[in-house]
Amino acid sequence: MSKIAILGAMEEEIEPIIAKLEGKKEHKYANNTYYEGRYAGKEVVVAYSKIGKVFASLTAATLIERFGCEKLLFSGVAGAINPQLQIGDLIIADKLCQHDLDITAFGHPDGFVPGGAVFVPTTDTLVTLGREVAKQKGITVKSGTIATGDQFIADPERKAWIEKTFNADALEMEGASVAVVCDALGVEFFILRAISDAADMGANFDFDAFLEKSAKVSADFILEMVQKLDG
């Protein structure tokens, strides 16, 4: 039976999932805690990476290489670029890119390095499953391109540049690095984000309250996917 990794960037995003694990065991490794247990008869390992691409890459690689996970489901929050996305909406990544990766001085396009690619597509079967779960729950879920960078984008001009350059729908700080790791190691992956703001500091709401609410919605969604996964 294959193990399933569930990953979030912040502790609040995985707490509702950890609470539902059966036979939970904690493992301390590389300055982090990994929670191993079972849900719906499936073996699951849960962790939060901390914010940013380096920590996300480290945690994703650890889940795969040390714990033997063969599928990875990521849940977290993101800022909207696409004006059709509103606070609280869920978006599934079809593909991801790194908006802050820049060696254009050497003649390469933004987001590209030799041996890599500008965009990394997510696993089609998991995206399809995510859409089925959304339909079953009566939740409207959009899909699109998510751009990742080690920057909290609060500048409308930078936001517009990312939208134009990558045709991106949302912004966050971990997804593309997780995608690169999973793609390189041959692991199926899925990335779900709840929209927290318009990525321009214009949102006028209580982020902590939103995070708690969205974490519960996302956790329920991810656990439903776990329940429906084969093996």
C-alpha atoms as a PDB file:
ATOM      1  CA  MET A   1       0.000   0.000   0.000  1.00  0.00           C
ATOM      2  CA  SER A   2       1.423   3.362  -1.036  1.00  0.00           C
ATOM      3  CA  LYS A   3       1.899   6.213   1.422  1.00  0.00           C
ATOM      4  CA  ILE A   4       0.276   9.568   0.804  1.00  0.00           C
ATOM      5  CA  ALA A   5       1.998  12.815   1.782  1.00  0.00           C
ATOM      6  CA  ILE A   6      -0.079  15.809   2.876  1.00  0.00           C
ATOM      7  CA  LEU A   7       1.813  19.078   3.010  1.00  0.00           C
ATOM      8  CA  GLY A   8       1.015  22.655   4.027  1.00  0.00           C
ATOM      9  CA  ALA A   9       3.207  25.712   4.447  1.00  0.00           C
ATOM     10  CA  MET A  10       1.885  26.736   7.868  1.00  0.00           C
ATOM     11  CA  GLU A  11       1.041  24.775  10.992  1.00  0.00           C
ATOM     12  CA  GLU A  12      -2.561  26.000  10.937  1.00  0.00           C
ATOM     13  CA  GLU A  13      -3.052  24.392   7.523  1.00  0.00           C
ATOM     14  CA  ILE A  14      -2.281  20.867   8.701  1.00  0.00           C
ATOM     15  CA  GLU A  15      -3.692  20.905  12.252  1.00  0.00           C
ATOM     16  CA  PRO A  16      -7.234  19.851  11.163  1.00  0.00           C
ATOM     17  CA  ILE A  17      -5.708  16.914   9.257  1.00  0.00           C
ATOM     18  CA  ILE A  18      -3.417  15.765  12.069  1.00  0.00           C
ATOM     19  CA  ALA A  19      -6.417  15.752  14.409  1.00  0.00           C
ATOM     20  CA  LYS A  20      -8.081  13.075  12.282  1.00  0.00           C
ATOM     21  CA  LEU A  21      -5.143  10.677  11.947  1.00  0.00           C
ATOM     22  CA  GLU A  22      -5.432   7.256  13.584  1.00  0.00           C
ATOM     23  CA  GLY A  23      -2.426   5.712  15.321  1.00  0.00           C
ATOM     24  CA  LYS A  24      -0.475   8.945  15.014  1.00  0.00           C
ATOM     25  CA  LYS A  25       3.297   8.867  15.475  1.00  0.00           C
ATOM     26  CA  GLU A  26       5.580  11.909  15.492  1.00  0.00           C
ATOM     27  CA  HIS A  27       8.983  11.878  13.820  1.00  0.00           C
ATOM     28  CA  LYS A  28      11.532  14.669  14.337  1.00  0.00           C
ATOM     29  CA  TYR A  29      13.821  15.188  11.365  1.00  0.00           C
ATOM     30  CA  ALA A  30      15.725  18.124   9.816  1.00  0.00           C
ATOM     31  CA  ASN A  31      14.301  20.670  12.265  1.00  0.00           C
ATOM     32  CA  ASN A  32      10.738  19.638  11.505  1.00  0.00           C
ATOM     33  CA  THR A  33       8.019  17.265  12.723  1.00  0.00           C
ATOM     34  CA  TYR A  34       6.385  14.642  10.524  1.00  0.00           C
ATOM     35  CA  TYR A  35       3.109  13.036  11.609  1.00  0.00           C
ATOM     36  CA  GLU A  36       2.569   9.479  10.431  1.00  0.00           C
ATOM     37  CA  GLY A  37      -0.768   7.691  10.766  1.00  0.00           C
ATOM     38  CA  ARG A  38      -3.773   6.310   8.932  1.00  0.00           C
ATOM     39  CA  TYR A  39      -6.901   7.838   7.486  1.00  0.00           C
ATOM     40  CA  ALA A  40      -9.672   5.887   5.756  1.00  0.00           C
ATOM     41  CA  GLY A  41      -7.412   2.844   5.792  1.00  0.00           C
ATOM     42  CA  LYS A  42      -4.605   4.683   3.960  1.00  0.00           C
ATOM     43  CA  GLU A  43      -1.091   5.338   5.249  1.00  0.00           C
ATOM     44  CA  VAL A  44      -0.543   9.084   5.504  1.00  0.00           C
ATOM     45  CA  VAL A  45       2.395  11.320   6.458  1.00  0.00           C
ATOM     46  CA  VAL A  46       1.595  14.965   7.238  1.00  0.00           C
ATOM     47  CA  ALA A  47       3.921  17.948   7.649  1.00  0.00           C
ATOM     48  CA  TYR A  48       4.102  21.692   7.317  1.00  0.00           C
ATOM     49  CA  SER A  49       7.158  23.011   5.569  1.00  0.00           C
ATOM     50  CA  LYS A  50       7.391  26.597   6.817  1.00  0.00           C
ATOM     51  CA  ILE A  51       7.081  29.412   4.301  1.00  0.00           C
ATOM     52  CA  GLY A  52       9.162  29.638   1.135  1.00  0.00           C
ATOM     53  CA  LYS A  53      10.616  27.545  -1.671  1.00  0.00           C
ATOM     54  CA  VAL A  54      13.662  26.158   0.145  1.00  0.00           C
ATOM     55  CA  PHE A  55      11.699  24.804   3.109  1.00  0.00           C
ATOM     56  CA  ALA A  56       8.971  23.470   0.816  1.00  0.00           C
ATOM     57  CA  SER A  57      11.544  21.650  -1.319  1.00  0.00           C
ATOM     58  CA  LEU A  58      13.259  20.172   1.743  1.00  0.00           C
ATOM     59  CA  THR A  59       9.989  18.944   3.234  1.00  0.00           C
ATOM     60  CA  ALA A  60       8.630  17.519  -0.013  1.00  0.00           C
ATOM     61  CA  ALA A  61      11.881  15.659  -0.695  1.00  0.00           C
ATOM     62  CA  THR A  62      11.917  14.296   2.873  1.00  0.00           C
ATOM     63  CA  LEU A  63       8.330  13.049   2.586  1.00  0.00           C
ATOM     64  CA  ILE A  64       9.275  11.192  -0.584  1.00  0.00           C
ATOM     65  CA  GLU A  65      12.809   9.970   0.126  1.00  0.00           C
ATOM     66  CA  ARG A  66      12.722   9.322   3.874  1.00  0.00           C
ATOM     67  CA  PHE A  67       9.078   8.304   4.364  1.00  0.00           C
ATOM     68  CA  GLY A  68       8.502   6.664   0.980  1.00  0.00           C
ATOM     69  CA  CYS A  69       5.426   8.667  -0.029  1.00  0.00           C
ATOM     70  CA  GLU A  70       4.259   8.019  -3.581  1.00  0.00           C
ATOM     71  CA  LYS A  71       1.619  10.749  -3.869  1.00  0.00           C
ATOM     72  CA  LEU A  72       1.699  14.285  -2.479  1.00  0.00           C
ATOM     73  CA  LEU A  73      -1.271  16.552  -1.783  1.00  0.00           C
ATOM     74  CA  PHE A  74      -0.552  20.202  -0.918  1.00  0.00           C
ATOM     75  CA  SER A  75      -3.042  22.594   0.639  1.00  0.00           C
ATOM     76  CA  GLY A  76      -2.614  26.250   1.529  1.00  0.00           C
ATOM     77  CA  VAL A  77      -3.573  29.841   0.747  1.00  0.00           C
ATOM     78  CA  ALA A  78      -2.733  32.107  -2.185  1.00  0.00           C
ATOM     79  CA  GLY A  79      -3.234  35.624  -3.472  1.00  0.00           C
ATOM     80  CA  ALA A  80      -5.405  36.143  -6.542  1.00  0.00           C
ATOM     81  CA  ILE A  81      -4.230  37.593  -9.829  1.00  0.00           C
ATOM     82  CA  ASN A  82      -7.199  36.545 -11.945  1.00  0.00           C
ATOM     83  CA  PRO A  83      -9.992  39.063 -11.178  1.00  0.00           C
ATOM     84  CA  GLN A  84     -12.524  36.221 -11.302  1.00  0.00           C
ATOM     85  CA  LEU A  85     -11.013  34.786  -8.109  1.00  0.00           C
ATOM     86  CA  GLN A  86     -12.554  36.078  -4.905  1.00  0.00           C
ATOM     87  CA  ILE A  87     -11.550  35.668  -1.252  1.00  0.00           C
ATOM     88  CA  GLY A  88     -12.451  32.152  -0.127  1.00  0.00           C
ATOM     89  CA  ASP A  89     -12.439  30.621  -3.627  1.00  0.00           C
ATOM     90  CA  LEU A  90     -10.511  27.401  -4.151  1.00  0.00           C
ATOM     91  CA  ILE A  91      -8.103  26.983  -7.058  1.00  0.00           C
ATOM     92  CA  ILE A  92      -6.471  23.780  -8.284  1.00  0.00           C
ATOM     93  CA  ALA A  93      -3.122  24.228 -10.009  1.00  0.00           C
ATOM     94  CA  ASP A  94      -3.023  22.888 -13.568  1.00  0.00           C
ATOM     95  CA  LYS A  95       0.612  23.955 -13.774  1.00  0.00           C
ATOM     96  CA  LEU A  96       3.088  26.015 -11.761  1.00  0.00           C
ATOM     97  CA  CYS A  97       6.030  28.332 -12.416  1.00  0.00           C
ATOM     98  CA  GLN A  98       8.657  30.293 -10.474  1.00  0.00           C
ATOM     99  CA  HIS A  99       8.084  33.992 -11.105  1.00  0.00           C
ATOM    100  CA  ASP A 100      11.285  35.039  -9.287  1.00  0.00           C
ATOM    101  CA  LEU A 101      13.619  32.734 -11.243  1.00  0.00           C
ATOM    102  CA  ASP A 102      15.530  35.075 -13.555  1.00  0.00           C
ATOM    103  CA  ILE A 103      18.569  34.327 -15.731  1.00  0.00           C
ATOM    104  CA  THR A 104      17.271  36.391 -18.629  1.00  0.00           C
ATOM    105  CA  ALA A 105      20.722  38.030 -18.804  1.00  0.00           C
ATOM    106  CA  PHE A 106      21.886  34.780 -20.457  1.00  0.00           C
ATOM    107  CA  GLY A 107      19.138  34.810 -23.058  1.00  0.00           C
ATOM    108  CA  HIS A 108      16.687  32.515 -21.290  1.00  0.00           C
ATOM    109  CA  PRO A 109      13.005  33.309 -20.673  1.00  0.00           C
ATOM    110  CA  ASP A 110      11.758  34.274 -17.217  1.00  0.00           C
ATOM    111  CA  GLY A 111      11.221  31.269 -14.970  1.00  0.00           C
ATOM    112  CA  PHE A 112      13.576  28.975 -16.911  1.00  0.00           C
ATOM    113  CA  VAL A 113      16.921  27.349 -16.198  1.00  0.00           C
ATOM    114  CA  PRO A 114      18.738  24.900 -18.518  1.00  0.00           C
ATOM    115  CA  GLY A 115      17.599  21.361 -17.764  1.00  0.00           C
ATOM    116  CA  GLY A 116      14.345  22.662 -16.344  1.00  0.00           C
ATOM    117  CA  ALA A 117      11.096  24.116 -17.667  1.00  0.00           C
ATOM    118  CA  VAL A 118       9.128  27.311 -17.149  1.00  0.00           C
ATOM    119  CA  PHE A 119       5.984  25.364 -16.220  1.00  0.00           C
ATOM    120  CA  VAL A 120       5.565  22.068 -14.377  1.00  0.00           C
ATOM    121  CA  PRO A 121       2.156  20.436 -14.942  1.00  0.00           C
ATOM    122  CA  THR A 122       0.327  18.761 -12.080  1.00  0.00           C
ATOM    123  CA  THR A 123      -0.823  15.132 -12.244  1.00  0.00           C
ATOM    124  CA  ASP A 124      -3.909  14.886 -14.475  1.00  0.00           C
ATOM    125  CA  THR A 125      -5.527  12.028 -12.547  1.00  0.00           C
ATOM    126  CA  LEU A 126      -5.293  13.916  -9.252  1.00  0.00           C
ATOM    127  CA  VAL A 127      -6.657  17.109 -10.813  1.00  0.00           C
ATOM    128  CA  THR A 128      -9.586  15.071 -12.180  1.00  0.00           C
ATOM    129  CA  LEU A 129     -10.154  13.544  -8.743  1.00  0.00           C
ATOM    130  CA  GLY A 130     -10.078  17.001  -7.171  1.00  0.00           C
ATOM    131  CA  ARG A 131     -12.755  18.219  -9.563  1.00  0.00           C
ATOM    132  CA  GLU A 132     -14.885  15.150  -8.758  1.00  0.00           C
ATOM    133  CA  VAL A 133     -14.583  15.875  -5.030  1.00  0.00           C
ATOM    134  CA  ALA A 134     -15.562  19.499  -5.597  1.00  0.00           C
ATOM    135  CA  LYS A 135     -18.614  18.454  -7.619  1.00  0.00           C
ATOM    136  CA  GLN A 136     -19.629  15.953  -4.958  1.00  0.00           C
ATOM    137  CA  LYS A 137     -19.363  18.613  -2.261  1.00  0.00           C
ATOM    138  CA  GLY A 138     -21.154  21.239  -4.326  1.00  0.00           C
ATOM    139  CA  ILE A 139     -18.071  23.477  -4.216  1.00  0.00           C
ATOM    140  CA  THR A 140     -17.059  25.655  -7.150  1.00  0.00           C
ATOM    141  CA  VAL A 141     -13.345  25.126  -7.757  1.00  0.00           C
ATOM    142  CA  LYS A 142     -11.432  26.967 -10.445  1.00  0.00           C
ATOM    143  CA  SER A 143      -8.223  25.715 -12.036  1.00  0.00           C
ATOM    144  CA  GLY A 144      -5.317  27.585 -13.562  1.00  0.00           C
ATOM    145  CA  THR A 145      -1.674  28.559 -13.386  1.00  0.00           C
ATOM    146  CA  ILE A 146      -0.096  29.280 -10.006  1.00  0.00           C
ATOM    147  CA  ALA A 147       3.091  31.345  -9.788  1.00  0.00           C
ATOM    148  CA  THR A 148       5.528  30.793  -6.916  1.00  0.00           C
ATOM    149  CA  GLY A 149       8.242  33.036  -5.542  1.00  0.00           C
ATOM    150  CA  ASP A 150      10.122  33.845  -2.351  1.00  0.00           C
ATOM    151  CA  GLN A 151       8.328  37.176  -2.127  1.00  0.00           C
ATOM    152  CA  PHE A 152       5.032  38.354  -0.669  1.00  0.00           C
ATOM    153  CA  ILE A 153       3.713  40.384  -3.590  1.00  0.00           C
ATOM    154  CA  ALA A 154       2.164  43.669  -2.463  1.00  0.00           C
ATOM    155  CA  ASP A 155       3.095  45.767  -5.525  1.00  0.00           C
ATOM    156  CA  PRO A 156       0.369  46.088  -8.200  1.00  0.00           C
ATOM    157  CA  GLU A 157       3.017  46.601 -10.905  1.00  0.00           C
ATOM    158  CA  ARG A 158       4.824  43.386  -9.984  1.00  0.00           C
ATOM    159  CA  LYS A 159       1.497  41.579  -9.860  1.00  0.00           C
ATOM    160  CA  ALA A 160       0.625  42.841 -13.354  1.00  0.00           C
ATOM    161  CA  TRP A 161       4.037  41.757 -14.657  1.00  0.00           C
ATOM    162  CA  ILE A 162       3.586  38.217 -13.307  1.00  0.00           C
ATOM    163  CA  GLU A 163       0.118  38.019 -14.823  1.00  0.00           C
ATOM    164  CA  LYS A 164       1.385  39.176 -18.225  1.00  0.00           C
ATOM    165  CA  THR A 165       4.594  37.108 -18.230  1.00  0.00           C
ATOM    166  CA  PHE A 166       3.190  33.781 -17.014  1.00  0.00           C
ATOM    167  CA  ASN A 167      -0.565  34.182 -17.595  1.00  0.00           C
ATOM    168  CA  ALA A 168      -0.847  33.316 -13.894  1.00  0.00           C
ATOM    169  CA  ASP A 169      -4.095  33.143 -11.944  1.00  0.00           C
ATOM    170  CA  ALA A 170      -2.727  33.108  -8.390  1.00  0.00           C
ATOM    171  CA  LEU A 171       0.435  33.707  -6.366  1.00  0.00           C
ATOM    172  CA  GLU A 172       2.034  31.860  -3.463  1.00  0.00           C
ATOM    173  CA  MET A 173       5.438  30.898  -2.050  1.00  0.00           C
ATOM    174  CA  GLU A 174       5.826  27.095  -2.177  1.00  0.00           C
ATOM    175  CA  GLY A 175       3.906  25.279  -4.917  1.00  0.00           C
ATOM    176  CA  ALA A 176       6.303  25.359  -7.866  1.00  0.00           C
ATOM    177  CA  SER A 177       9.214  24.124  -5.762  1.00  0.00           C
ATOM    178  CA  VAL A 178       7.114  21.183  -4.582  1.00  0.00           C
ATOM    179  CA  ALA A 179       6.162  20.563  -8.218  1.00  0.00           C
ATOM    180  CA  VAL A 180       9.814  20.492  -9.317  1.00  0.00           C
ATOM    181  CA  VAL A 181      10.709  17.992  -6.572  1.00  0.00           C
ATOM    182  CA  CYS A 182       7.762  15.704  -7.301  1.00  0.00           C
ATOM    183  CA  ASP A 183       8.335  15.861 -11.050  1.00  0.00           C
ATOM    184  CA  ALA A 184      12.035  15.022 -10.684  1.00  0.00           C
ATOM    185  CA  LEU A 185      11.333  12.096  -8.347  1.00  0.00           C
ATOM    186  CA  GLY A 186       8.408  10.708 -10.299  1.00  0.00           C
ATOM    187  CA  VAL A 187       5.777  11.352  -7.628  1.00  0.00           C
ATOM    188  CA  GLU A 188       2.179  12.261  -8.437  1.00  0.00           C
ATOM    189  CA  PHE A 189       1.126  15.584  -6.903  1.00  0.00           C
ATOM    190  CA  PHE A 190      -1.832  17.906  -6.448  1.00  0.00           C
ATOM    191  CA  ILE A 191      -1.896  21.514  -5.240  1.00  0.00           C
ATOM    192  CA  LEU A 192      -4.995  23.201  -3.808  1.00  0.00           C
ATOM    193  CA  ARG A 193      -5.097  26.834  -2.700  1.00  0.00           C
ATOM    194  CA  ALA A 194      -7.720  28.976  -0.982  1.00  0.00           C
ATOM    195  CA  ILE A 195      -7.699  32.604  -2.087  1.00  0.00           C
ATOM    196  CA  SER A 196      -6.871  34.865   0.853  1.00  0.00           C
ATOM    197  CA  ASP A 197      -6.458  38.246  -0.836  1.00  0.00           C
ATOM    198  CA  ALA A 198      -6.023  40.018  -4.151  1.00  0.00           C
ATOM    199  CA  ALA A 199      -2.214  40.051  -3.853  1.00  0.00           C
ATOM    200  CA  ASP A 200      -2.223  43.843  -3.723  1.00  0.00           C
ATOM    201  CA  MET A 201      -2.753  44.532   0.015  1.00  0.00           C
ATOM    202  CA  GLY A 202      -6.297  45.655  -0.793  1.00  0.00           C
ATOM    203  CA  ALA A 203      -8.015  42.941   1.230  1.00  0.00           C
ATOM    204  CA  ASN A 204      -9.644  44.317   4.359  1.00  0.00           C
ATOM    205  CA  PHE A 205     -10.273  41.286   6.528  1.00  0.00           C
ATOM    206  CA  ASP A 206      -8.998  39.229   9.479  1.00  0.00           C
ATOM    207  CA  PHE A 207      -6.375  36.914   7.972  1.00  0.00           C
ATOM    208  CA  ASP A 208      -6.062  34.733  11.066  1.00  0.00           C
ATOM    209  CA  ALA A 209      -9.799  34.089  11.085  1.00  0.00           C
ATOM    210  CA  PHE A 210      -9.744  33.391   7.367  1.00  0.00           C
ATOM    211  CA  LEU A 211      -6.810  31.002   7.730  1.00  0.00           C
ATOM    212  CA  GLU A 212      -8.596  28.994  10.404  1.00  0.00           C
ATOM    213  CA  LYS A 213     -11.777  28.736   8.331  1.00  0.00           C
ATOM    214  CA  SER A 214     -10.029  27.939   5.046  1.00  0.00           C
ATOM    215  CA  ALA A 215      -7.787  25.365   6.727  1.00  0.00           C
ATOM    216  CA  LYS A 216     -10.869  23.410   7.794  1.00  0.00           C
ATOM    217  CA  VAL A 217     -12.429  23.592   4.317  1.00  0.00           C
ATOM    218  CA  SER A 218      -9.164  22.604   2.611  1.00  0.00           C
ATOM    219  CA  ALA A 219      -8.472  19.806   5.106  1.00  0.00           C
ATOM    220  CA  ASP A 220     -11.913  18.331   4.538  1.00  0.00           C
ATOM    221  CA  PHE A 221     -11.339  18.524   0.769  1.00  0.00           C
ATOM    222  CA  ILE A 222      -7.904  16.887   0.939  1.00  0.00           C
ATOM    223  CA  LEU A 223      -9.090  14.123   3.267  1.00  0.00           C
ATOM    224  CA  GLU A 224     -11.963  13.360   0.905  1.00  0.00           C
ATOM    225  CA  MET A 225      -9.384  12.954  -1.851  1.00  0.00           C
ATOM    226  CA  VAL A 226      -7.344  10.600   0.350  1.00  0.00           C
ATOM    227  CA  GLN A 227     -10.450   8.516   0.942  1.00  0.00           C
ATOM    228  CA  LYS A 228     -11.018   8.165  -2.817  1.00  0.00           C
ATOM    229  CA  LEU A 229      -7.421   7.426  -3.810  1.00  0.00           C
ATOM    230  CA  ASP A 230      -6.601   3.892  -4.918  1.00  0.00           C
ATOM    231  CA  GLY A 231      -4.317   1.839  -2.682  1.00  0.00           C
END
